[in-house]
Amino acid sequence: MKSKILKYLSKYTKITEELENAINESAFFKSYKKGDILLKEGDFSNECYFILEGCIRSYFLKDGEEKTIEFYMEEEVVIPSNIGKSTPSQYYLECLEDTVVNVGNPALENEMYQKYPQLESLSRVIAEVILTKQQESYTAFKSSTPEERYLNMLKTRPYLLQRASQHQIASYLGIRPESLSRIRKRIINN
């Protein structure tokens, strides 16, 4: 599992012996089963996750209905917005598949940053990449029609069709399942 983390990090920096030692010292792996809830609305969070295998969905409840915010898969980071804060979560994190993650927390990160300054610099670079992707995703979502959102998902994340239910995908796209069925039918007929 540590080799997967090192492979991911090598996209952003040269893996030095010092960085490899930091990973070996700090890596804490945890396995979850399909359906496990990692975070509930109202809970306080002190953990973040780097997904090595599996899929995690974030969602919130509105009028008793689940509204999917995001799907996270291999080589993606899940950082709850309330991590290390005294505010309760406004959403849920659920494993859609059996999932293996590297678990981190603010205290461990600070300790590792003190020991390995390269790790802190690398974390900033990765945070910038994540933020940029989120901003681009948000802009694309706000400026597109439901059909364009679906086509973009097929282009950029086709694996979601095998990993999430149609209901969850429709919610993620901001539409009802019936609308998703009509969009899919229209695309097939064209």
C-alpha atoms as a PDB file:
ATOM      1  CA  MET A   1       0.000   0.000   0.000  1.00  0.00           C
ATOM      2  CA  LYS A   2       2.841   2.393   0.778  1.00  0.00           C
ATOM      3  CA  SER A   3       4.067   1.961  -2.792  1.00  0.00           C
ATOM      4  CA  LYS A   4       0.724   3.349  -4.052  1.00  0.00           C
ATOM      5  CA  ILE A   5       1.188   6.468  -1.946  1.00  0.00           C
ATOM      6  CA  LEU A   6       4.758   6.902  -3.174  1.00  0.00           C
ATOM      7  CA  LYS A   7       3.612   6.448  -6.792  1.00  0.00           C
ATOM      8  CA  TYR A   8       0.977   9.161  -6.322  1.00  0.00           C
ATOM      9  CA  LEU A   9       3.423  11.564  -4.657  1.00  0.00           C
ATOM     10  CA  SER A  10       5.999  10.994  -7.410  1.00  0.00           C
ATOM     11  CA  LYS A  11       3.631  12.836  -9.774  1.00  0.00           C
ATOM     12  CA  TYR A  12       4.438  16.007  -7.821  1.00  0.00           C
ATOM     13  CA  THR A  13       7.994  15.590  -6.568  1.00  0.00           C
ATOM     14  CA  LYS A  14      11.088  13.438  -6.643  1.00  0.00           C
ATOM     15  CA  ILE A  15      10.782  10.802  -3.934  1.00  0.00           C
ATOM     16  CA  THR A  16      13.788  11.232  -1.711  1.00  0.00           C
ATOM     17  CA  GLU A  17      14.886   8.769   0.924  1.00  0.00           C
ATOM     18  CA  GLU A  18      13.746  11.286   3.532  1.00  0.00           C
ATOM     19  CA  LEU A  19      10.236  11.457   2.013  1.00  0.00           C
ATOM     20  CA  GLU A  20      10.027   7.692   1.760  1.00  0.00           C
ATOM     21  CA  ASN A  21      10.997   7.457   5.449  1.00  0.00           C
ATOM     22  CA  ALA A  22       8.276   9.988   6.309  1.00  0.00           C
ATOM     23  CA  ILE A  23       5.667   7.899   4.495  1.00  0.00           C
ATOM     24  CA  ASN A  24       6.871   4.692   6.103  1.00  0.00           C
ATOM     25  CA  GLU A  25       6.742   6.338   9.528  1.00  0.00           C
ATOM     26  CA  SER A  26       3.353   8.020   9.175  1.00  0.00           C
ATOM     27  CA  ALA A  27       1.286   5.667   7.016  1.00  0.00           C
ATOM     28  CA  PHE A  28      -1.724   4.265   8.840  1.00  0.00           C
ATOM     29  CA  PHE A  29      -3.974   2.082   6.717  1.00  0.00           C
ATOM     30  CA  LYS A  30      -7.559   1.229   7.444  1.00  0.00           C
ATOM     31  CA  SER A  31     -10.054  -0.974   5.614  1.00  0.00           C
ATOM     32  CA  TYR A  32     -13.784  -0.350   5.420  1.00  0.00           C
ATOM     33  CA  LYS A  33     -16.641  -2.432   4.070  1.00  0.00           C
ATOM     34  CA  LYS A  34     -19.170  -1.353   1.462  1.00  0.00           C
ATOM     35  CA  GLY A  35     -21.842   0.681   3.246  1.00  0.00           C
ATOM     36  CA  ASP A  36     -19.625   1.811   6.125  1.00  0.00           C
ATOM     37  CA  ILE A  37     -20.207   5.421   7.143  1.00  0.00           C
ATOM     38  CA  LEU A  38     -16.972   7.297   7.861  1.00  0.00           C
ATOM     39  CA  LEU A  39     -18.636  10.539   8.884  1.00  0.00           C
ATOM     40  CA  LYS A  40     -22.223  11.429   9.778  1.00  0.00           C
ATOM     41  CA  GLU A  41     -24.006  14.747   9.748  1.00  0.00           C
ATOM     42  CA  GLY A  42     -23.480  16.293  13.173  1.00  0.00           C
ATOM     43  CA  ASP A  43     -20.230  14.413  13.864  1.00  0.00           C
ATOM     44  CA  PHE A  44     -16.922  16.112  14.532  1.00  0.00           C
ATOM     45  CA  SER A  45     -14.079  15.032  12.282  1.00  0.00           C
ATOM     46  CA  ASN A  46     -10.426  14.555  13.050  1.00  0.00           C
ATOM     47  CA  GLU A  47      -9.501  12.321  10.115  1.00  0.00           C
ATOM     48  CA  CYS A  48      -8.782  12.754   6.429  1.00  0.00           C
ATOM     49  CA  TYR A  49      -8.340   9.960   3.902  1.00  0.00           C
ATOM     50  CA  PHE A  50      -6.180   9.116   0.909  1.00  0.00           C
ATOM     51  CA  ILE A  51      -7.999   6.406  -1.039  1.00  0.00           C
ATOM     52  CA  LEU A  52      -5.851   3.473  -2.111  1.00  0.00           C
ATOM     53  CA  GLU A  53      -8.716   1.203  -3.197  1.00  0.00           C
ATOM     54  CA  GLY A  54     -12.452   1.776  -3.348  1.00  0.00           C
ATOM     55  CA  CYS A  55     -14.964   4.577  -3.631  1.00  0.00           C
ATOM     56  CA  ILE A  56     -16.348   7.054  -1.091  1.00  0.00           C
ATOM     57  CA  ARG A  57     -19.414   9.224  -1.641  1.00  0.00           C
ATOM     58  CA  SER A  58     -20.186  12.448   0.202  1.00  0.00           C
ATOM     59  CA  TYR A  59     -23.809  13.489   0.533  1.00  0.00           C
ATOM     60  CA  PHE A  60     -26.213  15.442   2.696  1.00  0.00           C
ATOM     61  CA  LEU A  61     -29.881  15.021   3.509  1.00  0.00           C
ATOM     62  CA  LYS A  62     -32.430  17.586   2.430  1.00  0.00           C
ATOM     63  CA  ASP A  63     -36.053  16.961   3.305  1.00  0.00           C
ATOM     64  CA  GLY A  64     -35.149  13.300   3.872  1.00  0.00           C
ATOM     65  CA  GLU A  65     -33.607  12.923   0.406  1.00  0.00           C
ATOM     66  CA  GLU A  66     -29.914  12.185  -0.207  1.00  0.00           C
ATOM     67  CA  LYS A  67     -28.097  14.793  -2.287  1.00  0.00           C
ATOM     68  CA  THR A  68     -24.752  13.525  -3.592  1.00  0.00           C
ATOM     69  CA  ILE A  69     -21.981  16.109  -3.419  1.00  0.00           C
ATOM     70  CA  GLU A  70     -18.997  14.139  -4.729  1.00  0.00           C
ATOM     71  CA  PHE A  71     -17.482  10.744  -5.433  1.00  0.00           C
ATOM     72  CA  TYR A  72     -13.871  10.017  -4.452  1.00  0.00           C
ATOM     73  CA  MET A  73     -11.831   7.161  -5.871  1.00  0.00           C
ATOM     74  CA  GLU A  74      -8.301   5.804  -5.945  1.00  0.00           C
ATOM     75  CA  GLU A  75      -5.557   8.399  -5.585  1.00  0.00           C
ATOM     76  CA  GLU A  76      -7.980  11.020  -4.335  1.00  0.00           C
ATOM     77  CA  VAL A  77      -7.970  12.805  -1.011  1.00  0.00           C
ATOM     78  CA  VAL A  78     -11.061  13.232   1.158  1.00  0.00           C
ATOM     79  CA  ILE A  79     -10.728  16.115   3.608  1.00  0.00           C
ATOM     80  CA  PRO A  80     -13.896  16.858   5.579  1.00  0.00           C
ATOM     81  CA  SER A  81     -14.509  20.612   5.720  1.00  0.00           C
ATOM     82  CA  ASN A  82     -14.790  20.474   9.513  1.00  0.00           C
ATOM     83  CA  ILE A  83     -11.604  18.490  10.146  1.00  0.00           C
ATOM     84  CA  GLY A  84      -9.940  19.595  13.356  1.00  0.00           C
ATOM     85  CA  LYS A  85     -12.617  22.219  14.000  1.00  0.00           C
ATOM     86  CA  SER A  86     -15.258  22.383  16.685  1.00  0.00           C
ATOM     87  CA  THR A  87     -18.048  22.503  14.121  1.00  0.00           C
ATOM     88  CA  PRO A  88     -20.226  19.506  13.273  1.00  0.00           C
ATOM     89  CA  SER A  89     -20.245  18.004   9.813  1.00  0.00           C
ATOM     90  CA  GLN A  90     -23.048  18.978   7.482  1.00  0.00           C
ATOM     91  CA  TYR A  91     -22.698  15.844   5.367  1.00  0.00           C
ATOM     92  CA  TYR A  92     -21.997  12.114   5.338  1.00  0.00           C
ATOM     93  CA  LEU A  93     -19.088  10.083   3.953  1.00  0.00           C
ATOM     94  CA  GLU A  94     -20.086   6.576   2.863  1.00  0.00           C
ATOM     95  CA  CYS A  95     -18.061   3.740   1.316  1.00  0.00           C
ATOM     96  CA  LEU A  96     -19.730   2.608  -1.912  1.00  0.00           C
ATOM     97  CA  GLU A  97     -17.313  -0.317  -2.144  1.00  0.00           C
ATOM     98  CA  ASP A  98     -14.889  -2.114   0.123  1.00  0.00           C
ATOM     99  CA  THR A  99     -12.311   0.633   0.620  1.00  0.00           C
ATOM    100  CA  VAL A 100      -8.712   0.888   1.834  1.00  0.00           C
ATOM    101  CA  VAL A 101      -7.436   4.302   2.901  1.00  0.00           C
ATOM    102  CA  ASN A 102      -4.409   5.924   4.447  1.00  0.00           C
ATOM    103  CA  VAL A 103      -5.768   7.860   7.422  1.00  0.00           C
ATOM    104  CA  GLY A 104      -4.319  11.185   8.496  1.00  0.00           C
ATOM    105  CA  ASN A 105      -5.149  13.785  11.109  1.00  0.00           C
ATOM    106  CA  PRO A 106      -4.019  17.357  11.839  1.00  0.00           C
ATOM    107  CA  ALA A 107      -1.816  16.429  14.818  1.00  0.00           C
ATOM    108  CA  LEU A 108       0.080  13.768  12.859  1.00  0.00           C
ATOM    109  CA  GLU A 109       0.452  16.105   9.888  1.00  0.00           C
ATOM    110  CA  ASN A 110       1.939  18.872  12.055  1.00  0.00           C
ATOM    111  CA  GLU A 111       4.342  16.405  13.645  1.00  0.00           C
ATOM    112  CA  MET A 112       5.425  15.084  10.248  1.00  0.00           C
ATOM    113  CA  TYR A 113       5.813  18.618   8.837  1.00  0.00           C
ATOM    114  CA  GLN A 114       8.192  19.449  11.690  1.00  0.00           C
ATOM    115  CA  LYS A 115      10.300  16.368  10.995  1.00  0.00           C
ATOM    116  CA  TYR A 116      10.083  16.467   7.195  1.00  0.00           C
ATOM    117  CA  PRO A 117       9.702  20.005   5.763  1.00  0.00           C
ATOM    118  CA  GLN A 118       9.570  18.561   2.233  1.00  0.00           C
ATOM    119  CA  LEU A 119       6.277  16.903   3.175  1.00  0.00           C
ATOM    120  CA  GLU A 120       4.692  20.247   4.069  1.00  0.00           C
ATOM    121  CA  SER A 121       5.755  21.788   0.741  1.00  0.00           C
ATOM    122  CA  LEU A 122       4.436  18.770  -1.113  1.00  0.00           C
ATOM    123  CA  SER A 123       1.117  18.978   0.754  1.00  0.00           C
ATOM    124  CA  ARG A 124       0.716  22.581  -0.355  1.00  0.00           C
ATOM    125  CA  VAL A 125       1.311  21.663  -3.994  1.00  0.00           C
ATOM    126  CA  ILE A 126      -1.226  18.839  -3.802  1.00  0.00           C
ATOM    127  CA  ALA A 127      -3.744  21.115  -2.022  1.00  0.00           C
ATOM    128  CA  GLU A 128      -3.413  23.634  -4.871  1.00  0.00           C
ATOM    129  CA  VAL A 129      -4.034  20.887  -7.433  1.00  0.00           C
ATOM    130  CA  ILE A 130      -7.107  19.684  -5.530  1.00  0.00           C
ATOM    131  CA  LEU A 131      -8.474  23.221  -5.156  1.00  0.00           C
ATOM    132  CA  THR A 132      -7.980  23.939  -8.860  1.00  0.00           C
ATOM    133  CA  LYS A 133      -9.827  20.744  -9.822  1.00  0.00           C
ATOM    134  CA  GLN A 134     -12.687  21.608  -7.472  1.00  0.00           C
ATOM    135  CA  GLN A 135     -12.976  25.125  -8.873  1.00  0.00           C
ATOM    136  CA  GLU A 136     -12.982  23.828 -12.448  1.00  0.00           C
ATOM    137  CA  SER A 137     -15.588  21.212 -11.557  1.00  0.00           C
ATOM    138  CA  TYR A 138     -17.787  23.798  -9.853  1.00  0.00           C
ATOM    139  CA  THR A 139     -17.535  26.207 -12.794  1.00  0.00           C
ATOM    140  CA  ALA A 140     -18.329  23.459 -15.297  1.00  0.00           C
ATOM    141  CA  PHE A 141     -21.311  22.334 -13.230  1.00  0.00           C
ATOM    142  CA  LYS A 142     -22.751  25.840 -12.866  1.00  0.00           C
ATOM    143  CA  SER A 143     -22.315  26.711 -16.538  1.00  0.00           C
ATOM    144  CA  SER A 144     -23.671  23.537 -18.145  1.00  0.00           C
ATOM    145  CA  THR A 145     -26.993  21.883 -18.819  1.00  0.00           C
ATOM    146  CA  PRO A 146     -27.836  18.524 -17.210  1.00  0.00           C
ATOM    147  CA  GLU A 147     -27.077  16.769 -20.510  1.00  0.00           C
ATOM    148  CA  GLU A 148     -23.712  18.518 -20.775  1.00  0.00           C
ATOM    149  CA  ARG A 149     -22.945  17.516 -17.167  1.00  0.00           C
ATOM    150  CA  TYR A 150     -23.727  13.894 -17.981  1.00  0.00           C
ATOM    151  CA  LEU A 151     -21.611  13.940 -21.149  1.00  0.00           C
ATOM    152  CA  ASN A 152     -18.740  15.547 -19.226  1.00  0.00           C
ATOM    153  CA  MET A 153     -19.017  12.840 -16.554  1.00  0.00           C
ATOM    154  CA  LEU A 154     -18.904  10.154 -19.271  1.00  0.00           C
ATOM    155  CA  LYS A 155     -15.767  11.780 -20.675  1.00  0.00           C
ATOM    156  CA  THR A 156     -13.925  12.454 -17.424  1.00  0.00           C
ATOM    157  CA  ARG A 157     -15.298   9.829 -15.010  1.00  0.00           C
ATOM    158  CA  PRO A 158     -16.888   6.976 -16.998  1.00  0.00           C
ATOM    159  CA  TYR A 159     -16.110   4.480 -14.222  1.00  0.00           C
ATOM    160  CA  LEU A 160     -18.827   6.075 -12.068  1.00  0.00           C
ATOM    161  CA  LEU A 161     -21.437   4.179 -14.083  1.00  0.00           C
ATOM    162  CA  GLN A 162     -20.105   0.895 -12.650  1.00  0.00           C
ATOM    163  CA  ARG A 163     -19.420   2.177  -9.143  1.00  0.00           C
ATOM    164  CA  ALA A 164     -22.462   4.249  -8.196  1.00  0.00           C
ATOM    165  CA  SER A 165     -26.199   3.742  -8.548  1.00  0.00           C
ATOM    166  CA  GLN A 166     -28.215   5.642 -11.153  1.00  0.00           C
ATOM    167  CA  HIS A 167     -30.007   7.433  -8.319  1.00  0.00           C
ATOM    168  CA  GLN A 168     -26.687   8.615  -6.833  1.00  0.00           C
ATOM    169  CA  ILE A 169     -25.386   9.708 -10.233  1.00  0.00           C
ATOM    170  CA  ALA A 170     -28.590  11.640 -10.965  1.00  0.00           C
ATOM    171  CA  SER A 171     -28.307  13.384  -7.602  1.00  0.00           C
ATOM    172  CA  TYR A 172     -24.640  14.200  -8.298  1.00  0.00           C
ATOM    173  CA  LEU A 173     -25.660  15.749 -11.633  1.00  0.00           C
ATOM    174  CA  GLY A 174     -28.389  17.765  -9.918  1.00  0.00           C
ATOM    175  CA  ILE A 175     -31.295  16.012 -11.642  1.00  0.00           C
ATOM    176  CA  ARG A 176     -33.964  13.407 -10.897  1.00  0.00           C
ATOM    177  CA  PRO A 177     -33.405   9.759 -11.915  1.00  0.00           C
ATOM    178  CA  GLU A 178     -36.198  10.027 -14.512  1.00  0.00           C
ATOM    179  CA  SER A 179     -34.423  12.960 -16.153  1.00  0.00           C
ATOM    180  CA  LEU A 180     -31.190  10.979 -16.252  1.00  0.00           C
ATOM    181  CA  SER A 181     -33.028   8.119 -17.979  1.00  0.00           C
ATOM    182  CA  ARG A 182     -34.388  10.538 -20.611  1.00  0.00           C
ATOM    183  CA  ILE A 183     -30.936  12.048 -21.171  1.00  0.00           C
ATOM    184  CA  ARG A 184     -29.373   8.611 -21.573  1.00  0.00           C
ATOM    185  CA  LYS A 185     -32.101   7.556 -24.010  1.00  0.00           C
ATOM    186  CA  ARG A 186     -31.687  10.752 -26.047  1.00  0.00           C
ATOM    187  CA  ILE A 187     -27.923  10.238 -26.275  1.00  0.00           C
ATOM    188  CA  ILE A 188     -28.318   6.614 -27.350  1.00  0.00           C
ATOM    189  CA  ASN A 189     -30.870   7.559 -30.009  1.00  0.00           C
ATOM    190  CA  ASN A 190     -28.577  10.247 -31.426  1.00  0.00           C
END
